[in-house]
Amino acid sequence: MKSLILAVSFVALAAAAPAMADTDNATSCHTLAQQTRAALSNASGDVTEAKAESSAGLQACNFGLWQSGSAHYRKALSLLGK
């Protein structure tokens, strides 16, 4: 029974691998974080919401939630007009 469960798990992972290839990862989080920091340092006006999104992005990326973290960074960049 354990062999069957293990085999099914490997098949499921193999099937999911191509889908994972197009998703965000640690590198995209790092790149977006750098872009957001640069945009925030050059921003004027009220950047409170953008800072909150950036902070949420950092937290998500630190927990390995690449897609969520990247989405927060993208939202911050959008709020900053980038």
C-alpha atoms as a PDB file:
ATOM      1  CA  MET A   1       0.000   0.000   0.000  1.00  0.00           C
ATOM      2  CA  LYS A   2       2.849   2.393   0.826  1.00  0.00           C
ATOM      3  CA  SER A   3       4.385   1.745  -2.585  1.00  0.00           C
ATOM      4  CA  LEU A   4       1.130   2.626  -4.307  1.00  0.00           C
ATOM      5  CA  ILE A   5       0.786   5.878  -2.370  1.00  0.00           C
ATOM      6  CA  LEU A   6       4.407   6.746  -3.098  1.00  0.00           C
ATOM      7  CA  ALA A   7       3.967   6.020  -6.795  1.00  0.00           C
ATOM      8  CA  VAL A   8       0.830   8.151  -6.979  1.00  0.00           C
ATOM      9  CA  SER A   9       2.669  10.972  -5.225  1.00  0.00           C
ATOM     10  CA  PHE A  10       5.501  10.873  -7.757  1.00  0.00           C
ATOM     11  CA  VAL A  11       3.055  10.897 -10.666  1.00  0.00           C
ATOM     12  CA  ALA A  12       1.227  13.876  -9.163  1.00  0.00           C
ATOM     13  CA  LEU A  13       4.492  15.780  -8.679  1.00  0.00           C
ATOM     14  CA  ALA A  14       5.645  14.974 -12.194  1.00  0.00           C
ATOM     15  CA  ALA A  15       2.369  16.237 -13.605  1.00  0.00           C
ATOM     16  CA  ALA A  16       2.564  19.432 -11.561  1.00  0.00           C
ATOM     17  CA  ALA A  17       6.177  20.238 -12.432  1.00  0.00           C
ATOM     18  CA  PRO A  18       5.468  21.988 -15.757  1.00  0.00           C
ATOM     19  CA  ALA A  19       2.837  24.159 -14.103  1.00  0.00           C
ATOM     20  CA  MET A  20       5.288  25.142 -11.371  1.00  0.00           C
ATOM     21  CA  ALA A  21       7.884  26.210 -13.941  1.00  0.00           C
ATOM     22  CA  ASP A  22       5.836  29.291 -14.865  1.00  0.00           C
ATOM     23  CA  THR A  23       5.216  30.446 -11.320  1.00  0.00           C
ATOM     24  CA  ASP A  24       7.094  32.917  -9.180  1.00  0.00           C
ATOM     25  CA  ASN A  25      10.072  31.750  -7.153  1.00  0.00           C
ATOM     26  CA  ALA A  26      12.680  33.088  -4.750  1.00  0.00           C
ATOM     27  CA  THR A  27      14.503  34.866  -7.568  1.00  0.00           C
ATOM     28  CA  SER A  28      11.409  36.719  -8.707  1.00  0.00           C
ATOM     29  CA  CYS A  29      10.680  37.704  -5.097  1.00  0.00           C
ATOM     30  CA  HIS A  30      14.214  39.041  -4.719  1.00  0.00           C
ATOM     31  CA  THR A  31      14.072  40.953  -8.000  1.00  0.00           C
ATOM     32  CA  LEU A  32      10.684  42.489  -7.224  1.00  0.00           C
ATOM     33  CA  ALA A  33      11.856  43.401  -3.717  1.00  0.00           C
ATOM     34  CA  GLN A  34      14.815  45.301  -5.177  1.00  0.00           C
ATOM     35  CA  GLN A  35      12.588  47.091  -7.678  1.00  0.00           C
ATOM     36  CA  THR A  36      10.109  48.009  -4.948  1.00  0.00           C
ATOM     37  CA  ARG A  37      12.835  49.323  -2.630  1.00  0.00           C
ATOM     38  CA  ALA A  38      14.217  51.483  -5.436  1.00  0.00           C
ATOM     39  CA  ALA A  39      10.764  52.790  -6.324  1.00  0.00           C
ATOM     40  CA  LEU A  40       9.990  53.574  -2.691  1.00  0.00           C
ATOM     41  CA  SER A  41      13.262  55.439  -2.221  1.00  0.00           C
ATOM     42  CA  ASN A  42      12.461  57.645  -5.221  1.00  0.00           C
ATOM     43  CA  ALA A  43       8.775  58.116  -4.425  1.00  0.00           C
ATOM     44  CA  SER A  44       7.171  61.268  -3.169  1.00  0.00           C
ATOM     45  CA  GLY A  45       3.831  61.764  -1.514  1.00  0.00           C
ATOM     46  CA  ASP A  46       1.934  59.241   0.551  1.00  0.00           C
ATOM     47  CA  VAL A  47       3.535  55.826   0.136  1.00  0.00           C
ATOM     48  CA  THR A  48       1.884  54.229   3.172  1.00  0.00           C
ATOM     49  CA  GLU A  49      -0.137  51.705   1.181  1.00  0.00           C
ATOM     50  CA  ALA A  50       2.830  50.821  -1.040  1.00  0.00           C
ATOM     51  CA  LYS A  51       5.008  50.270   2.044  1.00  0.00           C
ATOM     52  CA  ALA A  52       2.338  47.997   3.524  1.00  0.00           C
ATOM     53  CA  GLU A  53       2.219  45.965   0.299  1.00  0.00           C
ATOM     54  CA  SER A  54       6.014  45.773   0.242  1.00  0.00           C
ATOM     55  CA  SER A  55       6.066  44.563   3.835  1.00  0.00           C
ATOM     56  CA  ALA A  56       3.424  41.936   3.058  1.00  0.00           C
ATOM     57  CA  GLY A  57       5.516  40.843   0.073  1.00  0.00           C
ATOM     58  CA  LEU A  58       8.595  40.460   2.238  1.00  0.00           C
ATOM     59  CA  GLN A  59       6.739  38.388   4.801  1.00  0.00           C
ATOM     60  CA  ALA A  60       5.182  36.120   2.177  1.00  0.00           C
ATOM     61  CA  CYS A  61       8.486  35.589   0.375  1.00  0.00           C
ATOM     62  CA  ASN A  62      10.251  34.853   3.667  1.00  0.00           C
ATOM     63  CA  PHE A  63       7.717  32.089   4.277  1.00  0.00           C
ATOM     64  CA  GLY A  64       8.271  30.671   0.790  1.00  0.00           C
ATOM     65  CA  LEU A  65       4.955  31.929  -0.554  1.00  0.00           C
ATOM     66  CA  TRP A  66       6.528  33.170  -3.773  1.00  0.00           C
ATOM     67  CA  GLN A  67       3.343  33.883  -5.721  1.00  0.00           C
ATOM     68  CA  SER A  68       1.723  35.778  -2.885  1.00  0.00           C
ATOM     69  CA  GLY A  69       4.885  37.732  -2.137  1.00  0.00           C
ATOM     70  CA  SER A  70       5.408  38.627  -5.773  1.00  0.00           C
ATOM     71  CA  ALA A  71       1.783  39.730  -6.066  1.00  0.00           C
ATOM     72  CA  HIS A  72       2.234  42.086  -3.106  1.00  0.00           C
ATOM     73  CA  TYR A  73       5.414  43.538  -4.599  1.00  0.00           C
ATOM     74  CA  ARG A  74       3.686  44.010  -7.960  1.00  0.00           C
ATOM     75  CA  LYS A  75       0.811  45.766  -6.200  1.00  0.00           C
ATOM     76  CA  ALA A  76       3.288  48.057  -4.426  1.00  0.00           C
ATOM     77  CA  LEU A  77       4.979  48.878  -7.719  1.00  0.00           C
ATOM     78  CA  SER A  78       1.610  49.571  -9.284  1.00  0.00           C
ATOM     79  CA  LEU A  79       0.694  51.917  -6.443  1.00  0.00           C
ATOM     80  CA  LEU A  80       3.985  53.709  -7.041  1.00  0.00           C
ATOM     81  CA  GLY A  81       3.248  54.058 -10.743  1.00  0.00           C
ATOM     82  CA  LYS A  82       5.911  51.591 -11.878  1.00  0.00           C
END
